[in-house]
Amino acid sequence: MFQIDHLGIAVKSLAQAKKFYETLGMNVMPEETVAAEKVRLAMVPMDGSRIELLEPTEDDSPIGRFLAKRGEGLHHVALHVDDIAGSIERLKAAGTRFISDEIKVGAGGHLYVFIHPSSAGGVLLELCEDPPTGV
């Protein structure tokens, strides 16, 4: 079964975004930095999924470019998968276009890969898998 793992929201100020969700009464997790993506983030857990607040650490990062072009807002939808490698293999066989062929390690040690919007109805779609255990 698939589920929405999280919704990624690009923000100019992580501090202001966190304050909004905290004022709403939601718990915001501690900030993390994903250096490879040049982003600082905070997760807001919800019942079975999360909101991921994304602030660029550099203007030339993917989130920095997104903000410059489109402003704050929904950046991507992430689906949880149990077998990211198998999912990628099936999707590639069907002609799906990816942002990168490389499975990366992101926030909290989760594995992830992005599907190009041209293959997903105009939506940047992320596949993510729980962090490996016993490694």
N, C-alpha and C. Protein backbone atom coordinates (compact mmCIF):
# COMPACT_ATOMS: atom_id res chain seq x y z
N MET A 1 0.84 -1.17 0.00
CA MET A 1 0.00 0.00 0.00
C MET A 1 0.89 1.25 0.00
N PHE A 2 0.50 2.22 -0.79
CA PHE A 2 1.23 3.48 -0.83
C PHE A 2 0.55 4.48 0.10
N GLN A 3 1.35 5.41 0.58
CA GLN A 3 0.80 6.51 1.36
C GLN A 3 1.63 7.75 1.10
N ILE A 4 1.04 8.89 1.34
CA ILE A 4 1.81 10.13 1.23
C ILE A 4 2.73 10.19 2.43
N ASP A 5 4.03 10.23 2.15
CA ASP A 5 5.01 10.32 3.22
C ASP A 5 5.07 11.76 3.74
N HIS A 6 5.16 12.70 2.81
CA HIS A 6 5.17 14.11 3.20
C HIS A 6 4.88 15.01 2.02
N LEU A 7 4.55 16.25 2.34
CA LEU A 7 4.40 17.32 1.36
C LEU A 7 5.54 18.29 1.62
N GLY A 8 6.34 18.57 0.58
CA GLY A 8 7.46 19.49 0.72
C GLY A 8 7.01 20.90 0.37
N ILE A 9 7.22 21.82 1.29
CA ILE A 9 6.82 23.21 1.10
C ILE A 9 8.06 24.10 1.14
N ALA A 10 8.30 24.83 0.05
CA ALA A 10 9.43 25.76 -0.02
C ALA A 10 9.07 27.03 0.73
N VAL A 11 9.96 27.46 1.62
CA VAL A 11 9.73 28.67 2.41
C VAL A 11 10.97 29.56 2.37
N LYS A 12 10.75 30.85 2.49
CA LYS A 12 11.88 31.78 2.54
C LYS A 12 12.50 31.79 3.93
N SER A 13 11.66 31.62 4.95
CA SER A 13 12.15 31.65 6.33
C SER A 13 11.62 30.44 7.09
N LEU A 14 12.52 29.55 7.43
CA LEU A 14 12.14 28.37 8.20
C LEU A 14 11.61 28.78 9.58
N ALA A 15 12.21 29.79 10.17
CA ALA A 15 11.78 30.25 11.48
C ALA A 15 10.33 30.73 11.45
N GLN A 16 9.97 31.52 10.43
CA GLN A 16 8.59 32.01 10.33
C GLN A 16 7.61 30.88 10.04
N ALA A 17 8.00 29.96 9.17
CA ALA A 17 7.13 28.84 8.83
C ALA A 17 6.90 27.96 10.05
N LYS A 18 7.97 27.68 10.81
CA LYS A 18 7.84 26.86 12.01
C LYS A 18 6.90 27.54 13.01
N LYS A 19 7.04 28.84 13.17
CA LYS A 19 6.21 29.59 14.10
C LYS A 19 4.73 29.46 13.74
N PHE A 20 4.41 29.52 12.44
CA PHE A 20 3.03 29.38 12.00
C PHE A 20 2.45 28.03 12.43
N TYR A 21 3.18 26.94 12.14
CA TYR A 21 2.68 25.61 12.47
C TYR A 21 2.61 25.38 13.97
N GLU A 22 3.56 25.96 14.71
CA GLU A 22 3.51 25.86 16.17
C GLU A 22 2.32 26.64 16.73
N THR A 23 2.03 27.81 16.15
CA THR A 23 0.87 28.60 16.57
C THR A 23 -0.42 27.84 16.28
N LEU A 24 -0.41 27.08 15.21
CA LEU A 24 -1.56 26.24 14.86
C LEU A 24 -1.74 25.10 15.87
N GLY A 25 -0.71 24.85 16.67
CA GLY A 25 -0.77 23.81 17.69
C GLY A 25 -0.07 22.52 17.29
N MET A 26 0.70 22.57 16.21
CA MET A 26 1.39 21.38 15.73
C MET A 26 2.80 21.32 16.30
N ASN A 27 3.33 20.12 16.43
CA ASN A 27 4.68 19.89 16.92
C ASN A 27 5.64 19.94 15.73
N VAL A 28 6.66 20.78 15.79
CA VAL A 28 7.67 20.86 14.74
C VAL A 28 8.94 20.19 15.25
N MET A 29 9.44 19.25 14.46
CA MET A 29 10.65 18.52 14.84
C MET A 29 11.88 19.43 14.72
N PRO A 30 12.99 19.05 15.36
CA PRO A 30 14.22 19.85 15.24
C PRO A 30 14.67 19.96 13.79
N GLU A 31 15.31 21.07 13.49
CA GLU A 31 15.82 21.32 12.14
C GLU A 31 16.94 20.36 11.78
N GLU A 32 17.02 20.07 10.49
CA GLU A 32 18.11 19.28 9.91
C GLU A 32 18.63 20.02 8.70
N THR A 33 19.86 19.74 8.34
CA THR A 33 20.43 20.27 7.10
C THR A 33 20.81 19.10 6.22
N VAL A 34 20.43 19.18 4.95
CA VAL A 34 20.84 18.20 3.96
C VAL A 34 21.80 18.95 3.03
N ALA A 35 23.09 18.82 3.33
CA ALA A 35 24.12 19.59 2.62
C ALA A 35 24.11 19.34 1.12
N ALA A 36 23.88 18.10 0.71
CA ALA A 36 23.91 17.76 -0.72
C ALA A 36 22.82 18.51 -1.49
N GLU A 37 21.72 18.83 -0.83
CA GLU A 37 20.62 19.55 -1.49
C GLU A 37 20.64 21.04 -1.18
N LYS A 38 21.60 21.47 -0.34
CA LYS A 38 21.73 22.87 0.06
C LYS A 38 20.41 23.38 0.66
N VAL A 39 19.91 22.62 1.65
CA VAL A 39 18.63 22.95 2.24
C VAL A 39 18.64 22.67 3.74
N ARG A 40 17.92 23.51 4.47
CA ARG A 40 17.67 23.30 5.89
C ARG A 40 16.17 23.00 5.98
N LEU A 41 15.80 22.05 6.82
CA LEU A 41 14.39 21.66 6.85
C LEU A 41 13.94 21.34 8.24
N ALA A 42 12.63 21.31 8.40
CA ALA A 42 12.00 20.86 9.64
C ALA A 42 10.75 20.10 9.24
N MET A 43 10.53 18.98 9.90
CA MET A 43 9.36 18.15 9.65
C MET A 43 8.27 18.47 10.67
N VAL A 44 7.05 18.47 10.18
CA VAL A 44 5.88 18.67 11.02
C VAL A 44 5.06 17.38 10.92
N PRO A 45 5.15 16.50 11.93
CA PRO A 45 4.43 15.23 11.87
C PRO A 45 2.91 15.44 11.91
N MET A 46 2.25 14.60 11.14
CA MET A 46 0.78 14.56 11.13
C MET A 46 0.39 13.10 11.25
N ASP A 47 -0.86 12.83 11.34
CA ASP A 47 -1.34 11.45 11.47
C ASP A 47 -0.99 10.65 10.23
N GLY A 48 0.13 9.91 10.27
CA GLY A 48 0.53 9.05 9.16
C GLY A 48 1.37 9.70 8.09
N SER A 49 1.57 11.01 8.15
CA SER A 49 2.44 11.67 7.17
C SER A 49 3.08 12.89 7.81
N ARG A 50 3.70 13.72 6.99
CA ARG A 50 4.41 14.89 7.52
C ARG A 50 4.34 16.04 6.53
N ILE A 51 4.57 17.23 7.03
CA ILE A 51 4.84 18.39 6.20
C ILE A 51 6.32 18.67 6.34
N GLU A 52 7.02 18.88 5.23
CA GLU A 52 8.45 19.16 5.24
C GLU A 52 8.64 20.62 4.83
N LEU A 53 9.12 21.43 5.75
CA LEU A 53 9.39 22.84 5.48
C LEU A 53 10.82 22.96 4.99
N LEU A 54 11.01 23.57 3.83
CA LEU A 54 12.32 23.60 3.16
C LEU A 54 12.80 25.03 2.93
N GLU A 55 13.94 25.37 3.52
CA GLU A 55 14.55 26.68 3.33
C GLU A 55 15.92 26.48 2.68
N PRO A 56 16.19 27.19 1.59
CA PRO A 56 17.50 27.01 0.94
C PRO A 56 18.63 27.57 1.80
N THR A 57 19.79 26.92 1.73
CA THR A 57 20.97 27.47 2.40
C THR A 57 21.80 28.27 1.40
N GLU A 58 21.49 28.11 0.12
CA GLU A 58 22.16 28.87 -0.94
C GLU A 58 21.16 29.19 -2.03
N ASP A 59 21.31 30.36 -2.66
CA ASP A 59 20.38 30.77 -3.71
C ASP A 59 20.39 29.84 -4.92
N ASP A 60 21.53 29.18 -5.20
CA ASP A 60 21.62 28.32 -6.39
C ASP A 60 21.19 26.88 -6.12
N SER A 61 20.56 26.64 -4.97
CA SER A 61 20.07 25.30 -4.65
C SER A 61 18.74 25.06 -5.37
N PRO A 62 18.31 23.81 -5.46
CA PRO A 62 17.00 23.55 -6.07
C PRO A 62 15.87 24.35 -5.41
N ILE A 63 15.85 24.42 -4.09
CA ILE A 63 14.79 25.17 -3.40
C ILE A 63 14.98 26.67 -3.61
N GLY A 64 16.23 27.14 -3.62
CA GLY A 64 16.50 28.55 -3.89
C GLY A 64 16.00 28.96 -5.26
N ARG A 65 16.27 28.13 -6.27
CA ARG A 65 15.80 28.42 -7.63
C ARG A 65 14.28 28.37 -7.72
N PHE A 66 13.69 27.40 -7.02
CA PHE A 66 12.23 27.29 -7.00
C PHE A 66 11.61 28.57 -6.43
N LEU A 67 12.14 29.03 -5.29
CA LEU A 67 11.62 30.24 -4.66
C LEU A 67 11.77 31.46 -5.57
N ALA A 68 12.90 31.57 -6.26
CA ALA A 68 13.14 32.71 -7.14
C ALA A 68 12.16 32.71 -8.31
N LYS A 69 11.81 31.53 -8.79
CA LYS A 69 10.94 31.41 -9.97
C LYS A 69 9.46 31.43 -9.60
N ARG A 70 9.09 30.73 -8.53
CA ARG A 70 7.67 30.53 -8.22
C ARG A 70 7.21 31.10 -6.89
N GLY A 71 8.16 31.44 -6.01
CA GLY A 71 7.80 31.91 -4.68
C GLY A 71 7.50 30.75 -3.75
N GLU A 72 7.08 31.08 -2.55
CA GLU A 72 6.81 30.05 -1.55
C GLU A 72 5.61 29.20 -1.96
N GLY A 73 5.64 27.95 -1.52
CA GLY A 73 4.50 27.09 -1.79
C GLY A 73 4.89 25.64 -1.91
N LEU A 74 3.91 24.83 -2.36
CA LEU A 74 4.11 23.40 -2.49
C LEU A 74 5.22 23.13 -3.51
N HIS A 75 6.23 22.40 -3.09
CA HIS A 75 7.36 22.07 -3.95
C HIS A 75 7.24 20.66 -4.50
N HIS A 76 6.88 19.70 -3.65
CA HIS A 76 6.77 18.31 -4.10
C HIS A 76 5.85 17.49 -3.20
N VAL A 77 5.44 16.36 -3.76
CA VAL A 77 4.67 15.36 -3.02
C VAL A 77 5.55 14.12 -2.92
N ALA A 78 5.68 13.57 -1.72
CA ALA A 78 6.52 12.40 -1.51
C ALA A 78 5.66 11.19 -1.16
N LEU A 79 5.90 10.10 -1.88
CA LEU A 79 5.22 8.84 -1.61
C LEU A 79 6.17 7.88 -0.92
N HIS A 80 5.69 7.21 0.11
CA HIS A 80 6.48 6.20 0.79
C HIS A 80 6.40 4.90 0.01
N VAL A 81 7.55 4.29 -0.26
CA VAL A 81 7.61 2.98 -0.90
C VAL A 81 8.44 2.05 -0.02
N ASP A 82 8.16 0.75 -0.12
CA ASP A 82 8.91 -0.22 0.67
C ASP A 82 10.20 -0.66 -0.02
N ASP A 83 10.23 -0.55 -1.35
CA ASP A 83 11.39 -1.00 -2.14
C ASP A 83 11.69 0.04 -3.21
N ILE A 84 12.49 1.03 -2.85
CA ILE A 84 12.75 2.14 -3.77
C ILE A 84 13.48 1.66 -5.03
N ALA A 85 14.43 0.75 -4.87
CA ALA A 85 15.18 0.25 -6.03
C ALA A 85 14.24 -0.48 -6.99
N GLY A 86 13.37 -1.31 -6.47
CA GLY A 86 12.41 -2.03 -7.30
C GLY A 86 11.43 -1.09 -7.98
N SER A 87 11.00 -0.07 -7.24
CA SER A 87 10.08 0.93 -7.81
C SER A 87 10.73 1.67 -8.96
N ILE A 88 11.99 2.05 -8.78
CA ILE A 88 12.72 2.76 -9.84
C ILE A 88 12.86 1.87 -11.06
N GLU A 89 13.20 0.61 -10.85
CA GLU A 89 13.36 -0.32 -11.96
C GLU A 89 12.07 -0.45 -12.77
N ARG A 90 10.94 -0.62 -12.08
CA ARG A 90 9.64 -0.74 -12.77
C ARG A 90 9.31 0.53 -13.54
N LEU A 91 9.53 1.68 -12.90
CA LEU A 91 9.20 2.95 -13.53
C LEU A 91 10.10 3.23 -14.73
N LYS A 92 11.39 2.93 -14.62
CA LYS A 92 12.29 3.13 -15.76
C LYS A 92 11.88 2.25 -16.93
N ALA A 93 11.48 1.01 -16.65
CA ALA A 93 11.04 0.08 -17.71
C ALA A 93 9.81 0.63 -18.42
N ALA A 94 9.02 1.44 -17.72
CA ALA A 94 7.82 2.04 -18.30
C ALA A 94 8.10 3.39 -18.94
N GLY A 95 9.38 3.83 -18.93
CA GLY A 95 9.76 5.07 -19.58
C GLY A 95 9.68 6.32 -18.72
N THR A 96 9.58 6.15 -17.42
CA THR A 96 9.50 7.29 -16.50
C THR A 96 10.83 8.05 -16.48
N ARG A 97 10.72 9.36 -16.47
CA ARG A 97 11.90 10.25 -16.42
C ARG A 97 12.17 10.65 -14.97
N PHE A 98 13.42 10.58 -14.57
CA PHE A 98 13.83 10.93 -13.21
C PHE A 98 14.69 12.19 -13.23
N ILE A 99 14.69 12.93 -12.14
CA ILE A 99 15.58 14.09 -11.99
C ILE A 99 17.02 13.60 -11.94
N SER A 100 17.25 12.51 -11.22
CA SER A 100 18.56 11.89 -11.09
C SER A 100 18.36 10.39 -10.99
N ASP A 101 19.29 9.63 -11.53
CA ASP A 101 19.20 8.17 -11.45
C ASP A 101 19.74 7.65 -10.11
N GLU A 102 20.32 8.52 -9.33
CA GLU A 102 20.97 8.12 -8.09
C GLU A 102 20.01 8.15 -6.90
N ILE A 103 19.96 7.07 -6.14
CA ILE A 103 19.22 7.05 -4.88
C ILE A 103 20.07 7.79 -3.86
N LYS A 104 19.49 8.79 -3.22
CA LYS A 104 20.23 9.61 -2.27
C LYS A 104 19.73 9.38 -0.85
N VAL A 105 20.54 9.82 0.12
CA VAL A 105 20.16 9.75 1.53
C VAL A 105 19.82 11.15 1.98
N GLY A 106 18.63 11.31 2.55
CA GLY A 106 18.17 12.62 2.96
C GLY A 106 17.90 12.71 4.45
N ALA A 107 16.96 13.57 4.78
CA ALA A 107 16.62 13.84 6.18
C ALA A 107 16.26 12.56 6.91
N GLY A 108 16.79 12.43 8.11
CA GLY A 108 16.51 11.27 8.93
C GLY A 108 17.05 9.96 8.39
N GLY A 109 17.92 10.04 7.37
CA GLY A 109 18.50 8.84 6.78
C GLY A 109 17.62 8.15 5.75
N HIS A 110 16.49 8.78 5.40
CA HIS A 110 15.59 8.20 4.40
C HIS A 110 16.26 8.17 3.02
N LEU A 111 15.96 7.14 2.25
CA LEU A 111 16.42 7.05 0.87
C LEU A 111 15.39 7.75 0.00
N TYR A 112 15.86 8.46 -1.04
CA TYR A 112 14.90 9.17 -1.89
C TYR A 112 15.41 9.33 -3.31
N VAL A 113 14.47 9.57 -4.20
CA VAL A 113 14.73 9.88 -5.60
C VAL A 113 13.54 10.70 -6.09
N PHE A 114 13.80 11.63 -7.03
CA PHE A 114 12.73 12.47 -7.56
C PHE A 114 12.38 12.06 -8.98
N ILE A 115 11.08 12.01 -9.24
CA ILE A 115 10.55 11.76 -10.58
C ILE A 115 10.26 13.11 -11.22
N HIS A 116 10.68 13.26 -12.48
CA HIS A 116 10.49 14.52 -13.19
C HIS A 116 9.00 14.82 -13.36
N PRO A 117 8.60 16.08 -13.20
CA PRO A 117 7.18 16.42 -13.36
C PRO A 117 6.59 16.02 -14.72
N SER A 118 7.41 15.95 -15.75
CA SER A 118 6.89 15.57 -17.07
C SER A 118 6.36 14.15 -17.10
N SER A 119 6.77 13.33 -16.15
CA SER A 119 6.29 11.94 -16.07
C SER A 119 5.22 11.75 -15.02
N ALA A 120 4.90 12.80 -14.26
CA ALA A 120 3.97 12.65 -13.13
C ALA A 120 2.88 13.73 -13.14
N GLY A 121 2.36 14.01 -14.31
CA GLY A 121 1.24 14.94 -14.41
C GLY A 121 1.56 16.36 -13.97
N GLY A 122 2.81 16.78 -14.17
CA GLY A 122 3.20 18.14 -13.82
C GLY A 122 3.59 18.34 -12.37
N VAL A 123 3.66 17.25 -11.59
CA VAL A 123 4.00 17.34 -10.17
C VAL A 123 5.39 16.75 -9.95
N LEU A 124 6.23 17.45 -9.21
CA LEU A 124 7.51 16.87 -8.79
C LEU A 124 7.17 15.83 -7.72
N LEU A 125 7.47 14.59 -8.02
CA LEU A 125 7.11 13.48 -7.15
C LEU A 125 8.38 12.85 -6.58
N GLU A 126 8.41 12.68 -5.28
CA GLU A 126 9.54 12.05 -4.60
C GLU A 126 9.10 10.67 -4.13
N LEU A 127 9.97 9.69 -4.35
CA LEU A 127 9.77 8.38 -3.75
C LEU A 127 10.74 8.29 -2.58
N CYS A 128 10.28 7.84 -1.43
CA CYS A 128 11.19 7.70 -0.31
C CYS A 128 10.93 6.40 0.42
N GLU A 129 12.00 5.89 0.99
CA GLU A 129 11.99 4.63 1.72
C GLU A 129 12.59 4.88 3.09
N ASP A 130 12.10 4.17 4.09
CA ASP A 130 12.65 4.32 5.44
C ASP A 130 14.15 4.05 5.44
N PRO A 131 14.86 4.62 6.41
CA PRO A 131 16.31 4.39 6.49
C PRO A 131 16.61 2.90 6.62
N PRO A 132 17.69 2.45 5.98
CA PRO A 132 18.09 1.04 6.12
C PRO A 132 18.41 0.73 7.58
N THR A 133 18.14 -0.49 7.99
CA THR A 133 18.46 -0.92 9.35
C THR A 133 19.54 -1.98 9.30
N GLY A 134 20.32 -2.08 10.33
CA GLY A 134 21.36 -3.10 10.41
C GLY A 134 22.56 -2.86 9.51
N VAL A 135 22.74 -1.62 9.09
CA VAL A 135 23.87 -1.32 8.19
C VAL A 135 25.02 -0.79 9.01
